[in-house]
Amino acid sequence: MNLLTAQDRLAAFRGGFPAVPLSARRIAGLLDAPGCVRRQVVDAACVPIDDLAALVGCPPAGQSPFALARARQFERLVTDNDMGPLLRLVRELLGLPVSAAREKDLSASQVSMQFRRSDTAFRAELTRHYVREMLDGDDRAVNLLRSPILELAIGGVPMPVEPDAVAYAATGPLHPVEIRSFPCVDGFAEPGQVSAAARQTAVQGLATRELVVRL
C-alpha cells in the first residue's frame, strides 16, 4: 500500500470529523496503550478525541484554566528579556556555549505577520530551511527557533510536532526544548507529570532526528 492510499483510507475512516494534527503529548500517549491497534488507527487518522469521546459517552478531557494561566505565566518568565533566562538554562543544563540568541519565532502568529500565511506545511518548510542553515555551520544562522514545526511519521503519515524551541550550538547537536511548569511539594515535582513531559520531549527528539536524516 502506498502512502497516498494509506492517507485516503485514513481520511475515509475519519469520515466527517475534521482532521486534528497530533501533538507531542498525544503521540507520547500511544505508550499508555502499547499494541492497541484501535488507538493507533484513531491517532493516525487524526480523529479529534473530544468529538469522539462525546459520541461514546465519555466526559471530555479538560485542563484547569488556572493551570493554563500558570503555564503561560511561566513560559513568559523563561522567554522574556531577550530569552535571557532560557539562554542561561541552555548554557547550564545543556552545556551549550551560546552567548546570545539569534532567534527566529516560527509561531503561527509571527509567521502570519511576516509572510501573510501560517499553515502548518509552510511553517514546517521554514523550519527545514533554518535547521539546514544551522547544520551547514553558517555563523549567521539562527541558534534558537521558537515554535518550529517538526514532523514525525505515525503509521506512515507525517505528523507535525511543535516543541517550544529548538536550540543549537556549532559544537553540539540540536536540542528540542519543552517549557513546562510543575507544582512542587518539598522541592519535588509530581513524578507522573515529569514523566509525561519527558516522553513528550522524547517524541520531539525523534522528530528532530528524522528531520536531520532527511536533510
N, C-alpha and C. Protein backbone atom coordinates (compact mmCIF):
# COMPACT_ATOMS: atom_id res chain seq x y z
N MET A 1 0.85 -1.19 0.00
CA MET A 1 0.00 0.00 0.00
C MET A 1 0.89 1.24 0.00
N ASN A 2 0.66 2.13 -0.98
CA ASN A 2 1.48 3.34 -0.99
C ASN A 2 0.92 4.36 -0.01
N LEU A 3 1.68 5.43 0.20
CA LEU A 3 1.32 6.42 1.21
C LEU A 3 0.01 7.10 0.88
N LEU A 4 -0.21 7.41 -0.41
CA LEU A 4 -1.43 8.09 -0.82
C LEU A 4 -2.65 7.23 -0.49
N THR A 5 -2.55 5.94 -0.77
CA THR A 5 -3.66 5.05 -0.47
C THR A 5 -3.91 4.99 1.04
N ALA A 6 -2.83 4.95 1.82
CA ALA A 6 -2.97 4.94 3.28
C ALA A 6 -3.67 6.20 3.76
N GLN A 7 -3.30 7.35 3.23
CA GLN A 7 -3.94 8.60 3.64
C GLN A 7 -5.41 8.63 3.25
N ASP A 8 -5.71 8.10 2.05
CA ASP A 8 -7.11 8.05 1.62
C ASP A 8 -7.93 7.17 2.54
N ARG A 9 -7.38 6.03 2.93
CA ARG A 9 -8.11 5.12 3.81
C ARG A 9 -8.31 5.73 5.20
N LEU A 10 -7.30 6.43 5.68
CA LEU A 10 -7.44 7.07 6.99
C LEU A 10 -8.46 8.20 6.94
N ALA A 11 -8.48 8.95 5.83
CA ALA A 11 -9.47 10.02 5.67
C ALA A 11 -10.88 9.43 5.64
N ALA A 12 -11.05 8.28 4.96
CA ALA A 12 -12.36 7.64 4.91
C ALA A 12 -12.77 7.16 6.30
N PHE A 13 -11.81 6.67 7.07
CA PHE A 13 -12.09 6.21 8.43
C PHE A 13 -12.53 7.39 9.31
N ARG A 14 -11.92 8.55 9.10
CA ARG A 14 -12.24 9.74 9.90
C ARG A 14 -13.63 10.25 9.58
N GLY A 15 -14.09 10.02 8.35
CA GLY A 15 -15.44 10.43 7.98
C GLY A 15 -15.60 11.94 7.99
N GLY A 16 -16.68 12.41 8.65
CA GLY A 16 -16.96 13.84 8.66
C GLY A 16 -16.22 14.63 9.71
N PHE A 17 -15.41 13.94 10.53
CA PHE A 17 -14.64 14.65 11.54
C PHE A 17 -13.55 15.50 10.88
N PRO A 18 -13.27 16.69 11.40
CA PRO A 18 -12.12 17.45 10.90
C PRO A 18 -10.82 16.80 11.38
N ALA A 19 -9.82 16.85 10.55
CA ALA A 19 -8.51 16.30 10.94
C ALA A 19 -7.85 17.22 11.95
N VAL A 20 -7.42 16.65 13.07
CA VAL A 20 -6.73 17.41 14.11
C VAL A 20 -5.30 16.85 14.23
N PRO A 21 -4.28 17.62 13.81
CA PRO A 21 -2.92 17.10 13.89
C PRO A 21 -2.55 16.67 15.30
N LEU A 22 -1.74 15.65 15.39
CA LEU A 22 -1.35 15.12 16.69
C LEU A 22 -0.34 16.05 17.36
N SER A 23 -0.48 16.20 18.65
CA SER A 23 0.53 16.91 19.44
C SER A 23 1.53 15.90 19.96
N ALA A 24 2.66 16.41 20.46
CA ALA A 24 3.65 15.51 21.06
C ALA A 24 3.05 14.76 22.24
N ARG A 25 2.15 15.44 22.98
CA ARG A 25 1.51 14.79 24.13
C ARG A 25 0.66 13.60 23.68
N ARG A 26 -0.08 13.78 22.57
CA ARG A 26 -0.93 12.69 22.10
C ARG A 26 -0.10 11.54 21.53
N ILE A 27 0.97 11.86 20.82
CA ILE A 27 1.83 10.80 20.30
C ILE A 27 2.46 10.02 21.45
N ALA A 28 2.93 10.75 22.47
CA ALA A 28 3.51 10.08 23.63
C ALA A 28 2.47 9.22 24.32
N GLY A 29 1.18 9.61 24.24
CA GLY A 29 0.12 8.85 24.86
C GLY A 29 -0.07 7.48 24.26
N LEU A 30 0.48 7.24 23.07
CA LEU A 30 0.41 5.90 22.48
C LEU A 30 1.06 4.87 23.39
N LEU A 31 2.01 5.32 24.21
CA LEU A 31 2.68 4.39 25.13
C LEU A 31 1.77 3.96 26.26
N ASP A 32 0.65 4.69 26.46
CA ASP A 32 -0.29 4.29 27.51
C ASP A 32 -1.04 3.02 27.14
N ALA A 33 -1.13 2.76 25.83
CA ALA A 33 -1.83 1.55 25.38
C ALA A 33 -1.02 0.90 24.26
N PRO A 34 0.16 0.39 24.59
CA PRO A 34 1.02 -0.19 23.55
C PRO A 34 0.35 -1.40 22.89
N GLY A 35 0.45 -1.45 21.58
CA GLY A 35 -0.12 -2.58 20.86
C GLY A 35 -1.60 -2.44 20.58
N CYS A 36 -2.24 -1.35 20.99
CA CYS A 36 -3.67 -1.16 20.74
C CYS A 36 -3.86 -0.64 19.32
N VAL A 37 -4.33 -1.51 18.43
CA VAL A 37 -4.48 -1.14 17.03
C VAL A 37 -5.54 -0.05 16.87
N ARG A 38 -6.62 -0.13 17.66
CA ARG A 38 -7.66 0.90 17.57
C ARG A 38 -7.08 2.28 17.86
N ARG A 39 -6.29 2.37 18.91
CA ARG A 39 -5.69 3.66 19.27
C ARG A 39 -4.77 4.14 18.15
N GLN A 40 -4.00 3.24 17.58
CA GLN A 40 -3.06 3.62 16.52
C GLN A 40 -3.81 4.16 15.30
N VAL A 41 -4.92 3.50 14.93
CA VAL A 41 -5.67 3.94 13.76
C VAL A 41 -6.35 5.28 14.02
N VAL A 42 -6.96 5.43 15.21
CA VAL A 42 -7.62 6.69 15.55
C VAL A 42 -6.62 7.84 15.52
N ASP A 43 -5.43 7.61 16.03
CA ASP A 43 -4.41 8.67 16.03
C ASP A 43 -3.87 8.92 14.63
N ALA A 44 -3.58 7.86 13.88
CA ALA A 44 -3.05 8.04 12.52
C ALA A 44 -4.06 8.77 11.63
N ALA A 45 -5.35 8.59 11.91
CA ALA A 45 -6.38 9.27 11.13
C ALA A 45 -6.64 10.69 11.63
N CYS A 46 -5.97 11.10 12.71
CA CYS A 46 -6.11 12.45 13.27
C CYS A 46 -7.55 12.74 13.68
N VAL A 47 -8.23 11.74 14.24
CA VAL A 47 -9.60 11.92 14.71
C VAL A 47 -9.59 12.82 15.95
N PRO A 48 -10.44 13.85 16.01
CA PRO A 48 -10.48 14.70 17.22
C PRO A 48 -11.02 13.91 18.41
N ILE A 49 -10.20 13.75 19.42
CA ILE A 49 -10.54 12.90 20.56
C ILE A 49 -11.76 13.42 21.32
N ASP A 50 -11.87 14.74 21.51
CA ASP A 50 -13.00 15.29 22.26
C ASP A 50 -14.32 14.98 21.57
N ASP A 51 -14.36 15.11 20.24
CA ASP A 51 -15.59 14.81 19.50
C ASP A 51 -15.93 13.33 19.58
N LEU A 52 -14.90 12.50 19.47
CA LEU A 52 -15.12 11.05 19.56
C LEU A 52 -15.60 10.66 20.96
N ALA A 53 -15.01 11.28 21.99
CA ALA A 53 -15.40 10.98 23.37
C ALA A 53 -16.86 11.31 23.61
N ALA A 54 -17.33 12.42 23.04
CA ALA A 54 -18.73 12.80 23.21
C ALA A 54 -19.67 11.77 22.59
N LEU A 55 -19.27 11.20 21.46
CA LEU A 55 -20.11 10.21 20.78
C LEU A 55 -20.24 8.93 21.59
N VAL A 56 -19.19 8.54 22.28
CA VAL A 56 -19.22 7.27 23.02
C VAL A 56 -19.54 7.48 24.49
N GLY A 57 -19.93 8.72 24.85
CA GLY A 57 -20.40 8.97 26.21
C GLY A 57 -19.33 9.19 27.25
N CYS A 58 -18.12 9.52 26.83
CA CYS A 58 -17.05 9.80 27.79
C CYS A 58 -16.98 11.30 28.05
N PRO A 59 -16.67 11.69 29.27
CA PRO A 59 -16.52 13.13 29.54
C PRO A 59 -15.30 13.67 28.80
N PRO A 60 -15.40 14.86 28.23
CA PRO A 60 -14.26 15.43 27.51
C PRO A 60 -13.10 15.72 28.45
N ALA A 61 -11.90 15.53 27.91
CA ALA A 61 -10.71 15.85 28.70
C ALA A 61 -10.60 17.36 28.81
N GLY A 62 -10.17 17.82 29.94
CA GLY A 62 -10.03 19.25 30.13
C GLY A 62 -8.88 19.57 31.05
N GLN A 63 -8.47 20.82 31.04
CA GLN A 63 -7.39 21.27 31.91
C GLN A 63 -7.85 22.53 32.62
N SER A 64 -7.48 22.63 33.87
CA SER A 64 -7.88 23.77 34.67
C SER A 64 -7.41 25.08 34.02
N PRO A 65 -8.32 26.08 33.93
CA PRO A 65 -7.88 27.38 33.39
C PRO A 65 -6.78 28.00 34.25
N PHE A 66 -6.76 27.68 35.54
CA PHE A 66 -5.70 28.19 36.40
C PHE A 66 -4.36 27.56 36.03
N ALA A 67 -4.38 26.27 35.69
CA ALA A 67 -3.15 25.59 35.27
C ALA A 67 -2.64 26.16 33.96
N LEU A 68 -3.56 26.43 33.02
CA LEU A 68 -3.17 27.01 31.73
C LEU A 68 -2.58 28.41 31.92
N ALA A 69 -3.21 29.21 32.79
CA ALA A 69 -2.70 30.56 33.05
C ALA A 69 -1.32 30.49 33.70
N ARG A 70 -1.15 29.53 34.63
CA ARG A 70 0.15 29.38 35.29
C ARG A 70 1.23 28.97 34.29
N ALA A 71 0.86 28.09 33.35
CA ALA A 71 1.82 27.65 32.35
C ALA A 71 2.25 28.81 31.44
N ARG A 72 1.27 29.63 31.02
CA ARG A 72 1.61 30.78 30.18
C ARG A 72 2.49 31.77 30.93
N GLN A 73 2.18 32.00 32.20
CA GLN A 73 2.99 32.92 33.00
C GLN A 73 4.42 32.40 33.14
N PHE A 74 4.57 31.09 33.35
CA PHE A 74 5.90 30.52 33.50
C PHE A 74 6.68 30.63 32.19
N GLU A 75 6.00 30.38 31.06
CA GLU A 75 6.69 30.48 29.77
C GLU A 75 7.18 31.90 29.52
N ARG A 76 6.36 32.89 29.87
CA ARG A 76 6.81 34.28 29.72
C ARG A 76 8.00 34.56 30.62
N LEU A 77 7.99 33.99 31.82
CA LEU A 77 9.10 34.19 32.74
C LEU A 77 10.40 33.66 32.15
N VAL A 78 10.32 32.54 31.43
CA VAL A 78 11.52 31.90 30.88
C VAL A 78 11.98 32.58 29.59
N THR A 79 11.05 33.15 28.82
CA THR A 79 11.41 33.64 27.49
C THR A 79 11.50 35.16 27.39
N ASP A 80 11.09 35.90 28.42
CA ASP A 80 11.17 37.36 28.35
C ASP A 80 12.63 37.84 28.46
N ASN A 81 12.80 39.16 28.31
CA ASN A 81 14.13 39.78 28.43
C ASN A 81 15.13 39.18 27.47
N ASP A 82 14.72 39.17 26.18
CA ASP A 82 15.60 38.67 25.12
C ASP A 82 16.04 37.23 25.36
N MET A 83 15.14 36.43 25.89
CA MET A 83 15.39 34.99 26.10
C MET A 83 16.48 34.75 27.13
N GLY A 84 16.79 35.77 27.95
CA GLY A 84 17.89 35.64 28.91
C GLY A 84 17.78 34.43 29.83
N PRO A 85 16.64 34.23 30.51
CA PRO A 85 16.53 33.06 31.40
C PRO A 85 16.70 31.73 30.65
N LEU A 86 16.13 31.64 29.42
CA LEU A 86 16.27 30.40 28.67
C LEU A 86 17.71 30.17 28.24
N LEU A 87 18.39 31.24 27.84
CA LEU A 87 19.80 31.10 27.45
C LEU A 87 20.64 30.60 28.63
N ARG A 88 20.34 31.11 29.83
CA ARG A 88 21.09 30.66 31.00
C ARG A 88 20.88 29.16 31.23
N LEU A 89 19.63 28.71 31.08
CA LEU A 89 19.35 27.28 31.26
C LEU A 89 20.02 26.46 30.17
N VAL A 90 20.02 26.97 28.94
CA VAL A 90 20.67 26.26 27.84
C VAL A 90 22.16 26.09 28.10
N ARG A 91 22.78 27.14 28.64
CA ARG A 91 24.21 27.06 28.93
C ARG A 91 24.49 26.12 30.10
N GLU A 92 23.68 26.25 31.16
CA GLU A 92 23.97 25.49 32.38
C GLU A 92 23.58 24.02 32.27
N LEU A 93 22.40 23.75 31.70
CA LEU A 93 21.89 22.38 31.70
C LEU A 93 22.26 21.59 30.45
N LEU A 94 22.41 22.27 29.31
CA LEU A 94 22.77 21.57 28.08
C LEU A 94 24.25 21.73 27.75
N GLY A 95 24.93 22.64 28.45
CA GLY A 95 26.35 22.83 28.20
C GLY A 95 26.66 23.46 26.86
N LEU A 96 25.72 24.24 26.32
CA LEU A 96 25.93 24.87 25.01
C LEU A 96 26.56 26.26 25.19
N PRO A 97 27.65 26.54 24.50
CA PRO A 97 28.31 27.83 24.63
C PRO A 97 27.61 28.91 23.82
N VAL A 98 26.37 29.22 24.18
CA VAL A 98 25.58 30.23 23.46
C VAL A 98 25.63 31.52 24.25
N SER A 99 26.26 32.53 23.69
CA SER A 99 26.39 33.80 24.41
C SER A 99 25.19 34.71 24.17
N ALA A 100 24.57 34.61 23.00
CA ALA A 100 23.41 35.43 22.69
C ALA A 100 22.51 34.66 21.73
N ALA A 101 21.23 34.98 21.77
CA ALA A 101 20.27 34.27 20.93
C ALA A 101 20.10 34.96 19.59
N ARG A 102 20.34 34.22 18.52
CA ARG A 102 19.92 34.66 17.18
C ARG A 102 18.61 33.91 16.93
N GLU A 103 17.55 34.55 17.35
CA GLU A 103 16.27 33.87 17.49
C GLU A 103 15.39 34.08 16.26
N LYS A 104 14.61 33.04 15.92
CA LYS A 104 13.57 33.16 14.89
C LYS A 104 12.29 32.54 15.45
N ASP A 105 11.24 33.34 15.48
CA ASP A 105 9.95 32.88 16.01
C ASP A 105 9.11 32.36 14.85
N LEU A 106 8.82 31.06 14.87
CA LEU A 106 8.03 30.43 13.81
C LEU A 106 6.62 30.09 14.29
N SER A 107 6.16 30.75 15.35
CA SER A 107 4.79 30.54 15.79
C SER A 107 3.83 31.03 14.71
N ALA A 108 2.62 30.51 14.73
CA ALA A 108 1.65 30.83 13.68
C ALA A 108 1.42 32.34 13.57
N SER A 109 1.30 33.02 14.70
CA SER A 109 1.01 34.46 14.68
C SER A 109 2.16 35.25 14.06
N GLN A 110 3.40 34.91 14.43
CA GLN A 110 4.55 35.63 13.90
C GLN A 110 4.76 35.36 12.42
N VAL A 111 4.63 34.11 12.01
CA VAL A 111 4.79 33.76 10.59
C VAL A 111 3.71 34.44 9.76
N SER A 112 2.49 34.50 10.29
CA SER A 112 1.39 35.16 9.56
C SER A 112 1.68 36.64 9.35
N MET A 113 2.22 37.32 10.37
CA MET A 113 2.52 38.74 10.23
C MET A 113 3.62 38.98 9.20
N GLN A 114 4.60 38.06 9.12
CA GLN A 114 5.74 38.27 8.23
C GLN A 114 5.47 37.82 6.81
N PHE A 115 4.75 36.68 6.66
CA PHE A 115 4.60 36.08 5.34
C PHE A 115 3.16 36.06 4.84
N ARG A 116 2.21 36.51 5.68
CA ARG A 116 0.80 36.51 5.32
C ARG A 116 0.24 35.10 5.10
N ARG A 117 0.87 34.12 5.65
CA ARG A 117 0.35 32.75 5.68
C ARG A 117 0.97 32.05 6.87
N SER A 118 0.24 31.12 7.45
CA SER A 118 0.73 30.48 8.67
C SER A 118 0.34 29.01 8.74
N ASP A 119 0.06 28.40 7.57
CA ASP A 119 -0.34 27.00 7.59
C ASP A 119 0.83 26.14 8.06
N THR A 120 0.49 24.98 8.58
CA THR A 120 1.49 24.09 9.18
C THR A 120 2.56 23.68 8.18
N ALA A 121 2.15 23.39 6.92
CA ALA A 121 3.12 22.95 5.91
C ALA A 121 4.16 24.04 5.65
N PHE A 122 3.73 25.29 5.60
CA PHE A 122 4.67 26.39 5.36
C PHE A 122 5.61 26.57 6.54
N ARG A 123 5.09 26.47 7.75
CA ARG A 123 5.95 26.60 8.93
C ARG A 123 6.96 25.45 8.98
N ALA A 124 6.55 24.24 8.56
CA ALA A 124 7.48 23.12 8.51
C ALA A 124 8.58 23.37 7.48
N GLU A 125 8.19 24.00 6.35
CA GLU A 125 9.18 24.33 5.32
C GLU A 125 10.19 25.35 5.85
N LEU A 126 9.71 26.36 6.57
CA LEU A 126 10.61 27.35 7.17
C LEU A 126 11.53 26.68 8.19
N THR A 127 10.99 25.76 8.98
CA THR A 127 11.82 25.05 9.96
C THR A 127 12.95 24.31 9.27
N ARG A 128 12.63 23.60 8.18
CA ARG A 128 13.68 22.87 7.44
C ARG A 128 14.74 23.83 6.93
N HIS A 129 14.30 25.00 6.45
CA HIS A 129 15.26 25.98 5.92
C HIS A 129 16.24 26.44 7.00
N TYR A 130 15.72 26.81 8.16
CA TYR A 130 16.59 27.34 9.22
C TYR A 130 17.44 26.24 9.85
N VAL A 131 16.91 25.03 9.97
CA VAL A 131 17.71 23.94 10.51
C VAL A 131 18.83 23.59 9.54
N ARG A 132 18.55 23.63 8.24
CA ARG A 132 19.61 23.35 7.26
C ARG A 132 20.75 24.37 7.41
N GLU A 133 20.41 25.64 7.61
CA GLU A 133 21.44 26.67 7.81
C GLU A 133 22.23 26.38 9.09
N MET A 134 21.53 25.95 10.15
CA MET A 134 22.23 25.60 11.39
C MET A 134 23.26 24.50 11.13
N LEU A 135 22.82 23.45 10.45
CA LEU A 135 23.69 22.29 10.26
C LEU A 135 24.80 22.54 9.26
N ASP A 136 24.61 23.53 8.38
CA ASP A 136 25.66 23.86 7.41
C ASP A 136 26.79 24.67 8.04
N GLY A 137 26.63 25.04 9.32
CA GLY A 137 27.70 25.76 10.01
C GLY A 137 27.76 27.23 9.68
N ASP A 138 26.69 27.79 9.17
CA ASP A 138 26.66 29.22 8.86
C ASP A 138 26.73 30.03 10.16
N ASP A 139 27.76 30.87 10.29
CA ASP A 139 27.94 31.66 11.51
C ASP A 139 26.80 32.64 11.74
N ARG A 140 26.08 32.97 10.67
CA ARG A 140 24.98 33.93 10.79
C ARG A 140 23.65 33.22 11.04
N ALA A 141 23.66 31.89 11.06
CA ALA A 141 22.42 31.14 11.22
C ALA A 141 21.82 31.38 12.60
N VAL A 142 20.51 31.26 12.69
CA VAL A 142 19.87 31.36 13.99
C VAL A 142 20.32 30.19 14.86
N ASN A 143 20.32 30.39 16.17
CA ASN A 143 20.67 29.28 17.06
C ASN A 143 19.53 28.95 18.02
N LEU A 144 18.38 29.62 17.81
CA LEU A 144 17.22 29.32 18.65
C LEU A 144 15.95 29.54 17.83
N LEU A 145 15.27 28.46 17.53
CA LEU A 145 14.00 28.52 16.83
C LEU A 145 12.87 28.38 17.84
N ARG A 146 11.95 29.33 17.82
CA ARG A 146 10.80 29.24 18.71
C ARG A 146 9.60 28.69 17.95
N SER A 147 8.91 27.74 18.54
CA SER A 147 7.70 27.13 17.97
C SER A 147 7.91 26.64 16.53
N PRO A 148 9.00 25.88 16.28
CA PRO A 148 9.18 25.32 14.95
C PRO A 148 8.20 24.16 14.73
N ILE A 149 8.05 23.75 13.49
CA ILE A 149 7.22 22.59 13.16
C ILE A 149 8.13 21.47 12.66
N LEU A 150 8.25 20.42 13.47
CA LEU A 150 8.94 19.21 13.06
C LEU A 150 7.90 18.20 12.61
N GLU A 151 8.35 17.10 12.02
CA GLU A 151 7.42 16.07 11.57
C GLU A 151 7.90 14.70 12.01
N LEU A 152 6.94 13.87 12.43
CA LEU A 152 7.24 12.51 12.85
C LEU A 152 6.25 11.58 12.17
N ALA A 153 6.75 10.55 11.51
CA ALA A 153 5.89 9.63 10.78
C ALA A 153 5.17 8.70 11.75
N ILE A 154 3.83 8.72 11.70
CA ILE A 154 2.99 7.83 12.50
C ILE A 154 2.14 7.02 11.53
N GLY A 155 2.34 5.71 11.49
CA GLY A 155 1.60 4.88 10.54
C GLY A 155 1.90 5.25 9.11
N GLY A 156 3.12 5.73 8.86
CA GLY A 156 3.50 6.11 7.50
C GLY A 156 3.04 7.50 7.10
N VAL A 157 2.36 8.21 8.00
CA VAL A 157 1.86 9.55 7.69
C VAL A 157 2.61 10.57 8.53
N PRO A 158 3.23 11.60 7.92
CA PRO A 158 3.96 12.60 8.70
C PRO A 158 3.02 13.45 9.55
N MET A 159 3.32 13.53 10.85
CA MET A 159 2.52 14.33 11.77
C MET A 159 3.35 15.51 12.27
N PRO A 160 2.76 16.72 12.30
CA PRO A 160 3.51 17.88 12.80
C PRO A 160 3.70 17.81 14.31
N VAL A 161 4.89 18.16 14.76
CA VAL A 161 5.22 18.22 16.17
C VAL A 161 5.82 19.59 16.44
N GLU A 162 5.31 20.28 17.47
CA GLU A 162 5.74 21.66 17.73
C GLU A 162 6.34 21.80 19.12
N PRO A 163 7.67 21.68 19.25
CA PRO A 163 8.29 21.98 20.55
C PRO A 163 8.27 23.48 20.80
N ASP A 164 8.51 23.86 22.05
CA ASP A 164 8.57 25.29 22.36
C ASP A 164 9.75 25.95 21.67
N ALA A 165 10.86 25.21 21.57
CA ALA A 165 12.04 25.78 20.94
C ALA A 165 12.97 24.65 20.50
N VAL A 166 13.86 24.98 19.54
CA VAL A 166 14.97 24.11 19.19
C VAL A 166 16.24 24.95 19.28
N ALA A 167 17.17 24.51 20.13
CA ALA A 167 18.40 25.26 20.35
C ALA A 167 19.57 24.53 19.70
N TYR A 168 20.58 25.31 19.31
CA TYR A 168 21.71 24.71 18.60
C TYR A 168 22.97 25.53 18.86
N ALA A 169 24.08 24.84 18.99
CA ALA A 169 25.38 25.50 19.02
C ALA A 169 26.30 24.72 18.07
N ALA A 170 27.26 25.42 17.47
CA ALA A 170 28.11 24.79 16.46
C ALA A 170 28.89 23.61 17.00
N THR A 171 29.08 23.54 18.31
CA THR A 171 29.88 22.46 18.89
C THR A 171 29.04 21.27 19.33
N GLY A 172 27.73 21.31 19.11
CA GLY A 172 26.90 20.21 19.62
C GLY A 172 25.71 19.94 18.73
N PRO A 173 24.84 19.03 19.19
CA PRO A 173 23.67 18.64 18.40
C PRO A 173 22.51 19.61 18.57
N LEU A 174 21.43 19.35 17.84
CA LEU A 174 20.19 20.10 18.03
C LEU A 174 19.51 19.62 19.30
N HIS A 175 18.88 20.54 20.02
CA HIS A 175 18.20 20.20 21.27
C HIS A 175 16.77 20.71 21.22
N PRO A 176 15.76 19.82 21.15
CA PRO A 176 14.39 20.30 21.33
C PRO A 176 14.17 20.69 22.79
N VAL A 177 13.47 21.79 23.01
CA VAL A 177 13.26 22.31 24.36
C VAL A 177 11.76 22.43 24.61
N GLU A 178 11.28 21.84 25.68
CA GLU A 178 9.88 21.95 26.09
C GLU A 178 9.84 22.71 27.42
N ILE A 179 9.09 23.80 27.46
CA ILE A 179 9.00 24.62 28.67
C ILE A 179 7.76 24.20 29.44
N ARG A 180 7.95 23.64 30.61
CA ARG A 180 6.84 23.16 31.42
C ARG A 180 7.04 23.59 32.87
N SER A 181 5.93 23.84 33.54
CA SER A 181 5.99 24.16 34.96
C SER A 181 5.23 23.09 35.73
N PHE A 182 5.71 22.79 36.95
CA PHE A 182 5.09 21.76 37.78
C PHE A 182 4.93 22.30 39.20
N PRO A 183 3.80 22.01 39.84
CA PRO A 183 3.71 22.31 41.27
C PRO A 183 4.64 21.39 42.04
N CYS A 184 5.35 21.94 43.01
CA CYS A 184 6.33 21.16 43.77
C CYS A 184 5.91 21.05 45.23
N VAL A 185 6.18 19.91 45.81
CA VAL A 185 5.96 19.66 47.23
C VAL A 185 7.30 19.27 47.84
N ASP A 186 7.75 20.06 48.82
CA ASP A 186 9.05 19.83 49.45
C ASP A 186 10.18 19.81 48.42
N GLY A 187 10.03 20.66 47.41
CA GLY A 187 11.08 20.78 46.41
C GLY A 187 11.05 19.74 45.30
N PHE A 188 10.04 18.87 45.28
CA PHE A 188 9.97 17.81 44.28
C PHE A 188 8.69 17.95 43.47
N ALA A 189 8.82 17.86 42.15
CA ALA A 189 7.65 17.91 41.27
C ALA A 189 6.96 16.55 41.24
N GLU A 190 5.68 16.55 40.87
CA GLU A 190 4.91 15.32 40.82
C GLU A 190 5.51 14.40 39.75
N PRO A 191 5.94 13.18 40.12
CA PRO A 191 6.68 12.32 39.18
C PRO A 191 5.91 11.99 37.91
N GLY A 192 4.59 11.80 38.01
CA GLY A 192 3.82 11.46 36.82
C GLY A 192 3.85 12.56 35.79
N GLN A 193 3.75 13.81 36.23
CA GLN A 193 3.79 14.94 35.30
C GLN A 193 5.17 15.08 34.66
N VAL A 194 6.20 14.90 35.45
CA VAL A 194 7.56 14.99 34.92
C VAL A 194 7.79 13.87 33.89
N SER A 195 7.31 12.67 34.20
CA SER A 195 7.47 11.55 33.27
C SER A 195 6.75 11.82 31.96
N ALA A 196 5.53 12.36 32.04
CA ALA A 196 4.78 12.67 30.82
C ALA A 196 5.50 13.72 29.98
N ALA A 197 6.05 14.74 30.64
CA ALA A 197 6.79 15.78 29.92
C ALA A 197 8.04 15.20 29.27
N ALA A 198 8.71 14.27 29.95
CA ALA A 198 9.91 13.64 29.40
C ALA A 198 9.57 12.84 28.14
N ARG A 199 8.43 12.14 28.17
CA ARG A 199 8.03 11.37 27.00
C ARG A 199 7.68 12.28 25.82
N GLN A 200 7.01 13.40 26.12
CA GLN A 200 6.71 14.35 25.05
C GLN A 200 8.00 14.90 24.42
N THR A 201 8.98 15.20 25.26
CA THR A 201 10.25 15.70 24.74
C THR A 201 10.97 14.63 23.94
N ALA A 202 10.81 13.36 24.33
CA ALA A 202 11.40 12.27 23.57
C ALA A 202 10.79 12.19 22.17
N VAL A 203 9.47 12.42 22.08
CA VAL A 203 8.81 12.46 20.77
C VAL A 203 9.42 13.57 19.92
N GLN A 204 9.64 14.73 20.52
CA GLN A 204 10.23 15.84 19.78
C GLN A 204 11.67 15.52 19.37
N GLY A 205 12.38 14.78 20.24
CA GLY A 205 13.74 14.36 19.89
C GLY A 205 13.74 13.45 18.67
N LEU A 206 12.79 12.51 18.61
CA LEU A 206 12.68 11.62 17.45
C LEU A 206 12.35 12.42 16.19
N ALA A 207 11.45 13.40 16.31
CA ALA A 207 11.10 14.22 15.16
C ALA A 207 12.29 15.04 14.69
N THR A 208 13.09 15.54 15.62
CA THR A 208 14.30 16.28 15.26
C THR A 208 15.28 15.38 14.52
N ARG A 209 15.43 14.16 15.01
CA ARG A 209 16.34 13.21 14.35
C ARG A 209 15.87 12.90 12.93
N GLU A 210 14.56 12.70 12.76
CA GLU A 210 14.03 12.41 11.42
C GLU A 210 14.30 13.57 10.46
N LEU A 211 14.16 14.80 10.96
CA LEU A 211 14.43 15.96 10.12
C LEU A 211 15.88 15.99 9.68
N VAL A 212 16.78 15.75 10.62
CA VAL A 212 18.22 15.77 10.30
C VAL A 212 18.54 14.69 9.28
N VAL A 213 17.97 13.51 9.44
CA VAL A 213 18.23 12.41 8.48
C VAL A 213 17.74 12.81 7.08
N ARG A 214 16.56 13.43 6.99
CA ARG A 214 16.04 13.83 5.68
C ARG A 214 16.92 14.91 5.04
N LEU A 215 17.44 15.83 5.86
CA LEU A 215 18.30 16.87 5.32
C LEU A 215 19.65 16.34 4.89
